[in-house]
Amino acid sequence: MIDEALKALKNGEIVLVFDDDNRERETDMIVAAEFMTPEHMSTIRNDAGGLVCTPLSAQNSDALGIPFMTDIMDIASKKYPALGELTPNDIPYDEKSAFSITVNHRSSFTGITDNDRAMTIKELALLCKNGKQAEFGKYFRAPGHVTLLRAAEGHVLNRRGHTEMCIALTEMCGLTEVAVCCEMMDDVTGNSMQTKDTKKYAEEHGLAFLSGAEVVEAYHEFLDSK
């Protein structure tokens, strides 16, 4: 299944990844950001329905100069003490949030439409692909409607969230290490969609489905083969 998923990502298709029963217990729709289209955004918005985020590798994040949101809050808490009290130190499934800043491309209008968000995401990926991260502020503004996530250094070797799985998958594909992910939600229960239902969705729509364990195992094999 991993080969099918990597081929799909290289072709600009959506794949589904379930993290783990002992973590978020969520399935995310994932697509390589350099292939992002308004059609992808419509599908993700309608059929996934969670928060659309854009994971970046630690290297791309450093090159862009974007921190973790918690780092911003820590510095700003000296002036705004409430921010210090909001530190996410009680996340039940993780030690640290991957959230960074939010952005819009400067040529977007409101930034929230499928066209605007798809363009912002794709242009950010192409900026990183072309090694022009130093021009980040020239083409993007903040805050915006695209939520950026910083992957941990070494991604799945050190943290096994969807953020890191996205980066592992794009690295194995030889693509720009910028992706899009969004949790699949359940309209009936009000919770995340159960795995049996996300697997059924994958089968009905001809999409590759992976578990987090498969991603981690494949990444270890990828490193061993280098």
Protein backbone atom coordinates (compact mmCIF):
# COMPACT_ATOMS: atom_id res chain seq x y z
CA MET A 1 0.00 0.00 0.00
CA ILE A 2 2.89 2.39 0.70
CA ASP A 3 4.03 2.22 -2.94
CA GLU A 4 0.49 2.97 -4.08
CA ALA A 5 0.30 5.94 -1.71
CA LEU A 6 3.65 7.39 -2.80
CA LYS A 7 2.68 7.04 -6.45
CA ALA A 8 -0.61 8.80 -5.75
CA LEU A 9 1.13 11.69 -3.98
CA LYS A 10 3.56 12.08 -6.88
CA ASN A 11 0.53 12.28 -9.18
CA GLY A 12 -0.99 15.06 -7.08
CA GLU A 13 -3.69 12.85 -5.58
CA ILE A 14 -5.13 12.76 -2.06
CA VAL A 15 -4.17 9.91 0.28
CA LEU A 16 -5.62 9.04 3.69
CA VAL A 17 -3.46 8.40 6.75
CA PHE A 18 -4.69 7.15 10.14
CA ASP A 19 -2.26 8.05 12.91
CA ASP A 20 -2.66 5.57 15.77
CA ASP A 21 -5.20 4.22 18.25
CA ASN A 22 -2.99 5.54 21.06
CA ARG A 23 -2.69 9.06 19.67
CA GLU A 24 -5.36 11.28 18.05
CA ARG A 25 -7.20 8.29 16.52
CA GLU A 26 -7.85 10.41 13.43
CA THR A 27 -7.60 9.93 9.69
CA ASP A 28 -6.31 12.88 7.68
CA MET A 29 -6.61 13.67 4.00
CA ILE A 30 -3.13 14.50 2.74
CA VAL A 31 -1.86 15.97 -0.53
CA ALA A 32 1.53 17.32 -1.61
CA ALA A 33 1.24 21.12 -1.45
CA GLU A 34 3.02 21.75 -4.75
CA PHE A 35 0.07 20.07 -6.52
CA MET A 36 -2.68 21.81 -4.54
CA THR A 37 -5.74 22.91 -6.53
CA PRO A 38 -9.10 24.53 -5.73
CA GLU A 39 -10.66 21.15 -6.50
CA HIS A 40 -8.51 19.54 -3.80
CA MET A 41 -9.59 22.24 -1.38
CA SER A 42 -13.27 21.70 -2.16
CA THR A 43 -12.94 17.96 -1.60
CA ILE A 44 -11.02 18.42 1.64
CA ARG A 45 -13.43 21.05 2.94
CA ASN A 46 -16.55 19.04 2.10
CA ASP A 47 -15.43 15.46 2.72
CA ALA A 48 -12.89 15.91 5.53
CA GLY A 49 -14.17 19.03 7.28
CA GLY A 50 -11.47 19.45 9.93
CA LEU A 51 -8.83 22.16 10.07
CA VAL A 52 -6.93 22.53 6.80
CA CYS A 53 -3.25 22.85 7.69
CA THR A 54 0.04 23.09 5.84
CA PRO A 55 2.89 21.10 7.42
CA LEU A 56 6.44 22.16 6.58
CA SER A 57 9.71 20.38 7.31
CA ALA A 58 11.87 21.79 10.08
CA GLN A 59 14.39 22.82 7.40
CA ASN A 60 11.82 24.74 5.36
CA SER A 61 10.42 26.31 8.51
CA ASP A 62 13.88 27.51 9.52
CA ALA A 63 14.56 28.85 6.03
CA LEU A 64 11.25 30.74 6.06
CA GLY A 65 12.00 32.00 9.57
CA ILE A 66 8.75 30.83 11.16
CA PRO A 67 8.64 29.68 14.80
CA PHE A 68 6.25 27.51 16.75
CA MET A 69 3.23 29.54 17.90
CA THR A 70 4.13 28.60 21.48
CA ASP A 71 7.47 30.41 21.05
CA ILE A 72 5.66 33.56 19.91
CA MET A 73 3.30 33.31 22.86
CA ASP A 74 6.16 32.86 25.28
CA ILE A 75 7.91 36.02 24.07
CA ALA A 76 4.67 38.04 23.86
CA SER A 77 3.56 36.92 27.34
CA LYS A 78 5.92 39.47 28.87
CA LYS A 79 3.53 42.14 27.59
CA TYR A 80 0.37 40.02 27.50
CA PRO A 81 0.51 37.70 30.56
CA ALA A 82 -2.64 35.85 29.53
CA LEU A 83 -0.67 34.24 26.72
CA GLY A 84 1.60 32.60 29.25
CA GLU A 85 -1.41 31.11 31.00
CA LEU A 86 -2.61 29.63 27.71
CA THR A 87 0.46 27.42 27.24
CA PRO A 88 -0.72 24.05 25.82
CA ASN A 89 1.03 21.95 28.47
CA ASP A 90 -1.90 19.59 29.02
CA ILE A 91 -2.43 18.07 25.56
CA PRO A 92 -3.58 14.50 26.30
CA TYR A 93 -1.90 12.88 23.30
CA ASP A 94 1.24 14.94 22.77
CA GLU A 95 3.97 17.00 24.42
CA LYS A 96 4.00 20.01 22.10
CA SER A 97 1.75 21.61 19.51
CA ALA A 98 3.06 21.84 15.94
CA PHE A 99 1.12 25.04 15.21
CA SER A 100 3.01 27.98 13.74
CA ILE A 101 1.63 31.16 12.13
CA THR A 102 -1.23 31.69 9.65
CA VAL A 103 -0.69 33.30 6.24
CA ASN A 104 -2.33 34.48 3.02
CA HIS A 105 -0.63 35.07 -0.29
CA ARG A 106 -0.49 38.82 -0.96
CA SER A 107 -2.39 38.41 -4.22
CA SER A 108 -5.34 36.73 -2.47
CA PHE A 109 -8.50 38.67 -1.63
CA THR A 110 -10.10 37.51 1.61
CA GLY A 111 -7.86 34.44 1.62
CA ILE A 112 -10.57 31.98 2.70
CA THR A 113 -12.04 30.85 -0.63
CA ASP A 114 -11.02 27.55 -2.16
CA ASN A 115 -9.21 29.47 -4.89
CA ASP A 116 -7.36 31.71 -2.43
CA ARG A 117 -6.31 28.99 -0.02
CA ALA A 118 -5.23 26.61 -2.76
CA MET A 119 -3.17 29.37 -4.35
CA THR A 120 -1.57 30.38 -1.04
CA ILE A 121 -0.62 26.78 -0.28
CA LYS A 122 0.73 25.99 -3.74
CA GLU A 123 2.72 29.22 -3.98
CA LEU A 124 4.27 28.58 -0.58
CA ALA A 125 5.34 25.12 -1.71
CA LEU A 126 6.81 26.50 -4.93
CA LEU A 127 8.66 29.19 -2.96
CA CYS A 128 10.31 26.43 -0.93
CA LYS A 129 10.85 24.22 -3.98
CA ASN A 130 12.71 27.04 -5.74
CA GLY A 131 14.82 27.88 -2.70
CA LYS A 132 13.37 31.38 -2.37
CA GLN A 133 12.34 31.18 1.29
CA ALA A 134 14.14 34.47 1.97
CA GLU A 135 11.40 36.18 -0.10
CA PHE A 136 8.63 34.84 2.15
CA GLY A 137 7.53 38.27 3.40
CA LYS A 138 7.52 39.68 -0.11
CA TYR A 139 4.80 37.33 -1.27
CA PHE A 140 2.89 36.43 1.89
CA ARG A 141 1.21 38.32 4.74
CA ALA A 142 0.07 37.30 8.21
CA PRO A 143 -2.28 36.59 9.83
CA GLY A 144 -4.15 34.71 7.16
CA HIS A 145 -6.34 31.72 6.42
CA VAL A 146 -3.70 29.03 5.87
CA THR A 147 -2.46 27.46 9.10
CA LEU A 148 1.21 26.48 9.00
CA LEU A 149 2.61 23.59 11.04
CA ARG A 150 6.27 23.03 11.92
CA ALA A 151 7.36 19.40 11.76
CA ALA A 152 9.73 18.20 14.44
CA GLU A 153 13.39 17.87 13.51
CA GLY A 154 13.77 14.35 12.11
CA HIS A 155 9.94 14.24 11.80
CA VAL A 156 8.65 10.67 12.35
CA LEU A 157 11.90 9.61 14.02
CA ASN A 158 11.05 11.96 16.90
CA ARG A 159 7.30 12.65 16.69
CA ARG A 160 4.50 10.68 15.06
CA GLY A 161 1.85 13.26 14.32
CA HIS A 162 0.21 13.82 10.96
CA THR A 163 2.50 16.84 10.53
CA GLU A 164 5.57 14.60 10.59
CA MET A 165 3.95 11.85 8.52
CA CYS A 166 3.23 14.39 5.80
CA ILE A 167 6.88 15.38 5.68
CA ALA A 168 8.10 11.77 5.72
CA LEU A 169 5.80 10.95 2.79
CA THR A 170 6.87 13.94 0.70
CA GLU A 171 10.52 13.18 1.42
CA MET A 172 10.10 9.56 0.31
CA CYS A 173 8.43 10.85 -2.86
CA GLY A 174 11.28 13.24 -3.60
CA LEU A 175 8.82 16.15 -3.48
CA THR A 176 9.02 19.54 -1.80
CA GLU A 177 8.58 18.93 1.92
CA VAL A 178 5.40 20.98 2.24
CA ALA A 179 2.00 19.29 2.41
CA VAL A 180 -1.66 19.75 3.21
CA CYS A 181 -3.55 17.76 5.83
CA CYS A 182 -7.07 17.85 7.21
CA GLU A 183 -8.87 15.63 9.73
CA MET A 184 -11.90 13.67 8.56
CA MET A 185 -14.92 14.56 10.71
CA ASP A 186 -18.21 12.69 11.31
CA ASP A 187 -21.42 14.67 10.74
CA VAL A 188 -23.48 12.18 12.76
CA THR A 189 -21.47 11.78 15.97
CA GLY A 190 -19.76 15.16 16.01
CA ASN A 191 -16.44 13.39 16.51
CA SER A 192 -13.66 12.38 14.16
CA MET A 193 -14.73 9.80 11.59
CA GLN A 194 -14.22 6.21 12.69
CA THR A 195 -11.45 4.30 10.95
CA LYS A 196 -13.85 1.79 9.40
CA ASP A 197 -15.68 4.69 7.76
CA THR A 198 -12.54 6.41 6.49
CA LYS A 199 -11.38 3.10 5.03
CA LYS A 200 -14.76 2.75 3.33
CA TYR A 201 -14.42 6.29 1.95
CA ALA A 202 -10.97 5.42 0.59
CA GLU A 203 -12.32 2.29 -1.10
CA GLU A 204 -15.30 4.12 -2.61
CA HIS A 205 -13.12 6.92 -3.99
CA GLY A 206 -10.14 4.83 -5.05
CA LEU A 207 -7.75 6.48 -2.58
CA ALA A 208 -4.74 4.94 -0.88
CA PHE A 209 -5.14 4.38 2.89
CA LEU A 210 -2.17 4.09 5.26
CA SER A 211 -1.66 3.67 8.97
CA GLY A 212 0.92 5.74 10.81
CA ALA A 213 2.82 2.54 11.57
CA GLU A 214 3.13 1.83 7.83
CA VAL A 215 4.49 5.33 7.21
CA VAL A 216 7.09 5.01 9.98
CA GLU A 217 8.16 1.54 8.85
CA ALA A 218 8.47 2.68 5.24
CA TYR A 219 10.52 5.70 6.29
CA HIS A 220 12.98 3.53 8.22
CA GLU A 221 13.34 1.32 5.14
CA PHE A 222 13.82 4.44 3.02
CA LEU A 223 16.67 5.60 5.26
CA ASP A 224 18.26 2.13 5.24
CA SER A 225 18.23 2.07 1.44
CA LYS A 226 20.09 5.40 1.10
